[in-house]
PDB file of N, CA and C in Angstrom:
ATOM      1  N   MET A   1     -59.418  84.962 280.355  1.00  0.00           N
ATOM      2  CA  MET A   1     -58.348  84.862 281.348  1.00  0.00           C
ATOM      3  C   MET A   1     -58.092  86.660 280.851  1.00  0.00           C
ATOM      4  N   THR A   2     -57.952  87.153 282.051  1.00  0.00           N
ATOM      5  CA  THR A   2     -58.011  88.697 282.056  1.00  0.00           C
ATOM      6  C   THR A   2     -56.611  88.935 282.183  1.00  0.00           C
ATOM      7  N   ALA A   3     -56.184  90.622 281.545  1.00  0.00           N
ATOM      8  CA  ALA A   3     -54.956  90.586 281.502  1.00  0.00           C
ATOM      9  C   ALA A   3     -54.017  90.395 282.957  1.00  0.00           C
ATOM     10  N   ARG A   4     -54.626  90.501 284.015  1.00  0.00           N
ATOM     11  CA  ARG A   4     -54.060  90.483 285.451  1.00  0.00           C
ATOM     12  C   ARG A   4     -53.852  89.049 285.650  1.00  0.00           C
ATOM     13  N   ASP A   5     -54.758  88.260 285.273  1.00  0.00           N
ATOM     14  CA  ASP A   5     -54.444  86.573 285.106  1.00  0.00           C
ATOM     15  C   ASP A   5     -53.171  86.084 284.285  1.00  0.00           C
ATOM     16  N   ALA A   6     -52.758  87.079 283.190  1.00  0.00           N
ATOM     17  CA  ALA A   6     -51.985  86.511 282.181  1.00  0.00           C
ATOM     18  C   ALA A   6     -50.803  86.369 283.054  1.00  0.00           C
ATOM     19  N   PRO A   7     -49.820  85.473 282.380  1.00  0.00           N
ATOM     20  CA  PRO A   7     -48.392  85.115 283.007  1.00  0.00           C
ATOM     21  C   PRO A   7     -47.606  86.269 282.691  1.00  0.00           C
ATOM     22  N   ARG A   8     -46.753  86.482 283.681  1.00  0.00           N
ATOM     23  CA  ARG A   8     -45.587  87.711 283.802  1.00  0.00           C
ATOM     24  C   ARG A   8     -44.716  87.021 282.806  1.00  0.00           C
ATOM     25  N   VAL A   9     -43.901  88.139 281.934  1.00  0.00           N
ATOM     26  CA  VAL A   9     -42.728  88.145 281.267  1.00  0.00           C
ATOM     27  C   VAL A   9     -41.717  88.746 281.529  1.00  0.00           C
ATOM     28  N   ALA A  10     -40.410  88.733 281.846  1.00  0.00           N
ATOM     29  CA  ALA A  10     -39.819  89.440 282.261  1.00  0.00           C
ATOM     30  C   ALA A  10     -39.015  90.493 281.018  1.00  0.00           C
ATOM     31  N   PHE A  11     -39.074  91.730 281.047  1.00  0.00           N
ATOM     32  CA  PHE A  11     -38.587  92.248 279.899  1.00  0.00           C
ATOM     33  C   PHE A  11     -37.191  91.949 279.438  1.00  0.00           C
ATOM     34  N   SER A  12     -36.225  91.419 280.320  1.00  0.00           N
ATOM     35  CA  SER A  12     -35.141  91.143 279.791  1.00  0.00           C
ATOM     36  C   SER A  12     -35.152  89.991 279.070  1.00  0.00           C
ATOM     37  N   GLU A  13     -36.276  89.041 279.150  1.00  0.00           N
ATOM     38  CA  GLU A  13     -36.436  87.621 278.512  1.00  0.00           C
ATOM     39  C   GLU A  13     -37.071  87.936 277.051  1.00  0.00           C
ATOM     40  N   LEU A  14     -37.360  88.963 276.918  1.00  0.00           N
ATOM     41  CA  LEU A  14     -37.917  89.347 275.576  1.00  0.00           C
ATOM     42  C   LEU A  14     -36.943  89.768 274.936  1.00  0.00           C
ATOM     43  N   LEU A  15     -35.624  90.461 275.309  1.00  0.00           N
ATOM     44  CA  LEU A  15     -34.186  90.785 274.825  1.00  0.00           C
ATOM     45  C   LEU A  15     -33.841  89.674 274.318  1.00  0.00           C
ATOM     46  N   GLU A  16     -33.592  88.522 275.597  1.00  0.00           N
ATOM     47  CA  GLU A  16     -32.926  87.484 275.197  1.00  0.00           C
ATOM     48  C   GLU A  16     -33.555  86.458 274.268  1.00  0.00           C
ATOM     49  N   ARG A  17     -34.765  86.485 274.049  1.00  0.00           N
ATOM     50  CA  ARG A  17     -35.541  85.468 272.572  1.00  0.00           C
ATOM     51  C   ARG A  17     -35.553  86.359 271.411  1.00  0.00           C
ATOM     52  N   GLY A  18     -34.950  87.762 271.639  1.00  0.00           N
ATOM     53  CA  GLY A  18     -34.854  88.310 270.323  1.00  0.00           C
ATOM     54  C   GLY A  18     -36.229  88.970 270.075  1.00  0.00           C
ATOM     55  N   MET A  19     -37.372  88.782 270.791  1.00  0.00           N
ATOM     56  CA  MET A  19     -38.648  89.453 270.291  1.00  0.00           C
ATOM     57  C   MET A  19     -38.491  90.712 270.359  1.00  0.00           C
ATOM     58  N   ILE A  20     -37.682  91.446 270.958  1.00  0.00           N
ATOM     59  CA  ILE A  20     -37.508  92.895 270.809  1.00  0.00           C
ATOM     60  C   ILE A  20     -35.757  93.317 270.954  1.00  0.00           C
ATOM     61  N   THR A  21     -35.236  93.831 270.009  1.00  0.00           N
ATOM     62  CA  THR A  21     -34.016  94.043 269.708  1.00  0.00           C
ATOM     63  C   THR A  21     -33.433  95.372 270.202  1.00  0.00           C
ATOM     64  N   PRO A  22     -32.074  95.407 270.555  1.00  0.00           N
ATOM     65  CA  PRO A  22     -31.449  96.430 270.866  1.00  0.00           C
ATOM     66  C   PRO A  22     -31.841  98.131 269.965  1.00  0.00           C
ATOM     67  N   GLY A  23     -32.326  98.838 270.119  1.00  0.00           N
ATOM     68  CA  GLY A  23     -32.494  99.764 268.882  1.00  0.00           C
ATOM     69  C   GLY A  23     -33.996 100.018 268.680  1.00  0.00           C
ATOM     70  N   THR A  24     -34.935  99.227 269.580  1.00  0.00           N
ATOM     71  CA  THR A  24     -36.333  99.312 268.892  1.00  0.00           C
ATOM     72  C   THR A  24     -36.518 100.799 269.633  1.00  0.00           C
ATOM     73  N   ARG A  25     -37.287 101.323 269.134  1.00  0.00           N
ATOM     74  CA  ARG A  25     -38.239 102.376 269.623  1.00  0.00           C
ATOM     75  C   ARG A  25     -39.570 102.127 270.303  1.00  0.00           C
ATOM     76  N   LEU A  26     -40.123 102.250 271.290  1.00  0.00           N
ATOM     77  CA  LEU A  26     -41.221 102.309 272.310  1.00  0.00           C
ATOM     78  C   LEU A  26     -41.722 103.259 272.276  1.00  0.00           C
ATOM     79  N   VAL A  27     -43.251 103.250 271.942  1.00  0.00           N
ATOM     80  CA  VAL A  27     -43.870 104.179 272.026  1.00  0.00           C
ATOM     81  C   VAL A  27     -45.324 104.122 273.115  1.00  0.00           C
ATOM     82  N   ASP A  28     -45.792 105.123 273.433  1.00  0.00           N
ATOM     83  CA  ASP A  28     -47.008 105.202 274.128  1.00  0.00           C
ATOM     84  C   ASP A  28     -48.092 104.876 273.098  1.00  0.00           C
ATOM     85  N   SER A  29     -49.581 104.540 273.644  1.00  0.00           N
ATOM     86  CA  SER A  29     -50.245 104.665 272.749  1.00  0.00           C
ATOM     87  C   SER A  29     -50.986 105.761 271.932  1.00  0.00           C
ATOM     88  N   ARG A  30     -50.347 106.567 272.070  1.00  0.00           N
ATOM     89  CA  ARG A  30     -50.705 108.006 271.539  1.00  0.00           C
ATOM     90  C   ARG A  30     -49.586 108.188 270.700  1.00  0.00           C
ATOM     91  N   LYS A  31     -48.472 108.169 270.961  1.00  0.00           N
ATOM     92  CA  LYS A  31     -47.462 108.063 270.246  1.00  0.00           C
ATOM     93  C   LYS A  31     -46.966 109.385 270.950  1.00  0.00           C
ATOM     94  N   ARG A  32     -47.023 109.810 271.986  1.00  0.00           N
ATOM     95  CA  ARG A  32     -46.507 111.130 272.515  1.00  0.00           C
ATOM     96  C   ARG A  32     -45.222 111.183 272.984  1.00  0.00           C
ATOM     97  N   HIS A  33     -44.619 109.698 273.483  1.00  0.00           N
ATOM     98  CA  HIS A  33     -43.455 109.659 274.165  1.00  0.00           C
ATOM     99  C   HIS A  33     -43.005 108.265 273.258  1.00  0.00           C
ATOM    100  N   GLY A  34     -41.456 108.311 273.126  1.00  0.00           N
ATOM    101  CA  GLY A  34     -40.840 107.234 272.289  1.00  0.00           C
ATOM    102  C   GLY A  34     -39.338 107.356 273.104  1.00  0.00           C
ATOM    103  N   ALA A  35     -39.443 106.106 273.335  1.00  0.00           N
ATOM    104  CA  ALA A  35     -37.774 105.903 274.202  1.00  0.00           C
ATOM    105  C   ALA A  35     -37.003 104.325 273.114  1.00  0.00           C
ATOM    106  N   LEU A  36     -36.015 104.527 273.415  1.00  0.00           N
ATOM    107  CA  LEU A  36     -35.361 103.506 273.102  1.00  0.00           C
ATOM    108  C   LEU A  36     -34.806 102.243 273.675  1.00  0.00           C
ATOM    109  N   VAL A  37     -34.577 100.880 273.419  1.00  0.00           N
ATOM    110  CA  VAL A  37     -34.096 100.127 273.951  1.00  0.00           C
ATOM    111  C   VAL A  37     -32.581  99.962 274.000  1.00  0.00           C
ATOM    112  N   ARG A  38     -31.884  99.684 275.152  1.00  0.00           N
ATOM    113  CA  ARG A  38     -30.658  99.672 275.181  1.00  0.00           C
ATOM    114  C   ARG A  38     -30.361  98.169 275.023  1.00  0.00           C
ATOM    115  N   ALA A  39     -28.912  97.827 274.826  1.00  0.00           N
ATOM    116  CA  ALA A  39     -28.555  96.469 274.774  1.00  0.00           C
ATOM    117  C   ALA A  39     -28.371  96.127 275.934  1.00  0.00           C
ATOM    118  N   ASP A  40     -28.263  96.794 277.505  1.00  0.00           N
ATOM    119  CA  ASP A  40     -28.144  95.974 278.494  1.00  0.00           C
ATOM    120  C   ASP A  40     -29.462  95.637 278.849  1.00  0.00           C
ATOM    121  N   GLY A  41     -30.675  96.151 278.252  1.00  0.00           N
ATOM    122  CA  GLY A  41     -31.780  95.760 278.889  1.00  0.00           C
ATOM    123  C   GLY A  41     -32.684  97.319 279.309  1.00  0.00           C
ATOM    124  N   ALA A  42     -31.719  98.407 279.266  1.00  0.00           N
ATOM    125  CA  ALA A  42     -32.303  99.598 280.072  1.00  0.00           C
ATOM    126  C   ALA A  42     -33.093 100.329 278.769  1.00  0.00           C
ATOM    127  N   ILE A  43     -33.839 101.189 278.966  1.00  0.00           N
ATOM    128  CA  ILE A  43     -34.722 102.043 278.602  1.00  0.00           C
ATOM    129  C   ILE A  43     -34.296 103.319 278.634  1.00  0.00           C
ATOM    130  N   MET A  44     -33.764 104.245 277.438  1.00  0.00           N
ATOM    131  CA  MET A  44     -33.621 105.752 277.327  1.00  0.00           C
ATOM    132  C   MET A  44     -34.363 106.469 276.530  1.00  0.00           C
ATOM    133  N   LEU A  45     -34.772 107.504 277.529  1.00  0.00           N
ATOM    134  CA  LEU A  45     -36.066 108.467 276.875  1.00  0.00           C
ATOM    135  C   LEU A  45     -35.154 109.839 277.259  1.00  0.00           C
ATOM    136  N   GLY A  46     -34.773 110.238 275.984  1.00  0.00           N
ATOM    137  CA  GLY A  46     -34.055 111.595 275.767  1.00  0.00           C
ATOM    138  C   GLY A  46     -32.334 111.175 276.710  1.00  0.00           C
ATOM    139  N   ASP A  47     -32.075 112.003 277.943  1.00  0.00           N
ATOM    140  CA  ASP A  47     -31.032 111.864 278.095  1.00  0.00           C
ATOM    141  C   ASP A  47     -31.247 111.018 279.975  1.00  0.00           C
ATOM    142  N   LYS A  48     -32.552 110.582 279.864  1.00  0.00           N
ATOM    143  CA  LYS A  48     -32.781 109.700 280.843  1.00  0.00           C
ATOM    144  C   LYS A  48     -32.623 108.186 280.659  1.00  0.00           C
ATOM    145  N   VAL A  49     -32.029 107.236 281.528  1.00  0.00           N
ATOM    146  CA  VAL A  49     -31.847 105.871 281.492  1.00  0.00           C
ATOM    147  C   VAL A  49     -32.465 105.101 282.782  1.00  0.00           C
ATOM    148  N   GLY A  50     -33.436 104.172 282.571  1.00  0.00           N
ATOM    149  CA  GLY A  50     -33.506 103.471 283.437  1.00  0.00           C
ATOM    150  C   GLY A  50     -34.332 102.107 283.226  1.00  0.00           C
ATOM    151  N   SER A  51     -34.901 101.561 283.919  1.00  0.00           N
ATOM    152  CA  SER A  51     -35.712 100.254 283.832  1.00  0.00           C
ATOM    153  C   SER A  51     -36.955 100.752 283.163  1.00  0.00           C
ATOM    154  N   ILE A  52     -37.635  99.956 282.311  1.00  0.00           N
ATOM    155  CA  ILE A  52     -38.769 100.186 281.572  1.00  0.00           C
ATOM    156  C   ILE A  52     -39.944 100.835 282.594  1.00  0.00           C
ATOM    157  N   HIS A  53     -39.908 100.273 283.783  1.00  0.00           N
ATOM    158  CA  HIS A  53     -40.927 100.892 284.665  1.00  0.00           C
ATOM    159  C   HIS A  53     -40.754 102.151 285.065  1.00  0.00           C
ATOM    160  N   ARG A  54     -39.414 102.502 285.355  1.00  0.00           N
ATOM    161  CA  ARG A  54     -39.049 103.840 286.004  1.00  0.00           C
ATOM    162  C   ARG A  54     -39.323 105.180 284.881  1.00  0.00           C
ATOM    163  N   ILE A  55     -38.744 104.520 283.319  1.00  0.00           N
ATOM    164  CA  ILE A  55     -39.071 105.411 282.577  1.00  0.00           C
ATOM    165  C   ILE A  55     -40.386 105.666 281.941  1.00  0.00           C
ATOM    166  N   GLY A  56     -41.259 104.738 281.982  1.00  0.00           N
ATOM    167  CA  GLY A  56     -42.636 104.695 281.808  1.00  0.00           C
ATOM    168  C   GLY A  56     -42.914 105.566 282.661  1.00  0.00           C
ATOM    169  N   ALA A  57     -43.010 105.224 283.938  1.00  0.00           N
ATOM    170  CA  ALA A  57     -43.290 106.696 284.879  1.00  0.00           C
ATOM    171  C   ALA A  57     -42.691 108.167 284.764  1.00  0.00           C
ATOM    172  N   VAL A  58     -41.487 107.913 284.495  1.00  0.00           N
ATOM    173  CA  VAL A  58     -41.006 109.307 283.784  1.00  0.00           C
ATOM    174  C   VAL A  58     -41.960 109.532 282.756  1.00  0.00           C
ATOM    175  N   ALA A  59     -42.188 109.371 281.713  1.00  0.00           N
ATOM    176  CA  ALA A  59     -42.495 109.797 280.526  1.00  0.00           C
ATOM    177  C   ALA A  59     -44.180 110.211 280.925  1.00  0.00           C
ATOM    178  N   GLN A  60     -44.992 109.846 281.754  1.00  0.00           N
ATOM    179  CA  GLN A  60     -46.343 109.824 281.962  1.00  0.00           C
ATOM    180  C   GLN A  60     -46.214 110.830 283.440  1.00  0.00           C
ATOM    181  N   GLY A  61     -44.870 111.372 283.620  1.00  0.00           N
ATOM    182  CA  GLY A  61     -45.043 112.644 284.680  1.00  0.00           C
ATOM    183  C   GLY A  61     -45.362 111.955 286.006  1.00  0.00           C
ATOM    184  N   SER A  62     -45.015 110.756 286.494  1.00  0.00           N
ATOM    185  CA  SER A  62     -45.701 110.304 288.138  1.00  0.00           C
ATOM    186  C   SER A  62     -44.406 110.135 288.448  1.00  0.00           C
ATOM    187  N   ALA A  63     -43.318 110.001 288.008  1.00  0.00           N
ATOM    188  CA  ALA A  63     -42.055 109.738 288.830  1.00  0.00           C
ATOM    189  C   ALA A  63     -40.933 110.786 288.610  1.00  0.00           C
ATOM    190  N   PRO A  64     -39.947 111.373 289.521  1.00  0.00           N
ATOM    191  CA  PRO A  64     -39.159 112.214 288.998  1.00  0.00           C
ATOM    192  C   PRO A  64     -37.980 111.328 288.264  1.00  0.00           C
ATOM    193  N   ALA A  65     -37.428 112.166 287.430  1.00  0.00           N
ATOM    194  CA  ALA A  65     -36.403 111.505 286.129  1.00  0.00           C
ATOM    195  C   ALA A  65     -34.947 110.911 287.211  1.00  0.00           C
ATOM    196  N   THR A  66     -35.023 111.144 288.671  1.00  0.00           N
ATOM    197  CA  THR A  66     -33.693 110.589 288.982  1.00  0.00           C
ATOM    198  C   THR A  66     -34.202 109.842 290.124  1.00  0.00           C
ATOM    199  N   ALA A  67     -33.324 109.085 290.674  1.00  0.00           N
ATOM    200  CA  ALA A  67     -33.725 108.052 291.885  1.00  0.00           C
ATOM    201  C   ALA A  67     -32.533 108.147 292.755  1.00  0.00           C
ATOM    202  N   GLY A  68     -32.736 108.157 294.137  1.00  0.00           N
ATOM    203  CA  GLY A  68     -31.949 108.249 295.106  1.00  0.00           C
ATOM    204  C   GLY A  68     -31.002 106.806 294.873  1.00  0.00           C
ATOM    205  N   PRO A  69     -30.111 106.327 296.023  1.00  0.00           N
ATOM    206  CA  PRO A  69     -29.627 104.962 295.875  1.00  0.00           C
ATOM    207  C   PRO A  69     -30.638 103.671 295.909  1.00  0.00           C
ATOM    208  N   SER A  70     -31.372 104.173 296.644  1.00  0.00           N
ATOM    209  CA  SER A  70     -32.681 103.076 297.080  1.00  0.00           C
ATOM    210  C   SER A  70     -33.605 102.692 295.940  1.00  0.00           C
ATOM    211  N   GLY A  71     -33.719 103.694 295.157  1.00  0.00           N
ATOM    212  CA  GLY A  71     -34.261 103.686 293.923  1.00  0.00           C
ATOM    213  C   GLY A  71     -35.650 104.476 294.352  1.00  0.00           C
ATOM    214  N   THR A  72     -35.371 105.047 295.239  1.00  0.00           N
ATOM    215  CA  THR A  72     -37.002 106.143 295.370  1.00  0.00           C
ATOM    216  C   THR A  72     -36.118 107.383 295.763  1.00  0.00           C
ATOM    217  N   SER A  73     -36.828 108.697 295.326  1.00  0.00           N
ATOM    218  CA  SER A  73     -36.534 109.919 295.154  1.00  0.00           C
ATOM    219  C   SER A  73     -36.570 110.526 296.189  1.00  0.00           C
ATOM    220  N   ARG A  74     -37.048 110.185 297.495  1.00  0.00           N
ATOM    221  CA  ARG A  74     -36.952 110.790 298.735  1.00  0.00           C
ATOM    222  C   ARG A  74     -36.418 110.061 299.677  1.00  0.00           C
ATOM    223  N   PRO A  75     -35.266 110.935 300.329  1.00  0.00           N
ATOM    224  CA  PRO A  75     -34.887 109.883 301.351  1.00  0.00           C
ATOM    225  C   PRO A  75     -35.419 109.404 302.389  1.00  0.00           C
ATOM    226  N   ARG A  76     -34.883 108.184 303.155  1.00  0.00           N
ATOM    227  CA  ARG A  76     -35.827 107.521 304.056  1.00  0.00           C
ATOM    228  C   ARG A  76     -35.760 107.929 305.506  1.00  0.00           C
ATOM    229  N   ARG A  77     -36.563 107.993 306.235  1.00  0.00           N
ATOM    230  CA  ARG A  77     -36.313 108.259 307.825  1.00  0.00           C
ATOM    231  C   ARG A  77     -36.173 107.214 308.498  1.00  0.00           C
ATOM    232  N   ALA A  78     -35.383 107.085 309.574  1.00  0.00           N
ATOM    233  CA  ALA A  78     -34.823 105.916 310.370  1.00  0.00           C
ATOM    234  C   ALA A  78     -36.250 106.012 310.991  1.00  0.00           C
ATOM    235  N   CYS A  79     -36.355 104.778 311.611  1.00  0.00           N
ATOM    236  CA  CYS A  79     -37.536 104.062 312.357  1.00  0.00           C
ATOM    237  C   CYS A  79     -37.143 104.385 313.844  1.00  0.00           C
ATOM    238  N   GLY A  80     -38.042 104.466 314.663  1.00  0.00           N
ATOM    239  CA  GLY A  80     -37.843 104.834 315.877  1.00  0.00           C
ATOM    240  C   GLY A  80     -38.264 105.862 316.627  1.00  0.00           C
TER     241      GLY A  80
END
């Protein structure tokens, strides 16, 4: 079985089952970035708070630190 074929587990489920506890420090493989797990399931990296996916993207420099109301950083254009 490849990693792609493995079953997916929601991050919140890891918290609910006690496999990860609030206050746990998550680091990347090179230990360049460290983020804290909050009790509400959000991740905090410095003064930025968001989902594990958003904060991971911010840490890697592939996403802006802030998001618009739709979860994107760019305004959407009207179709038509």
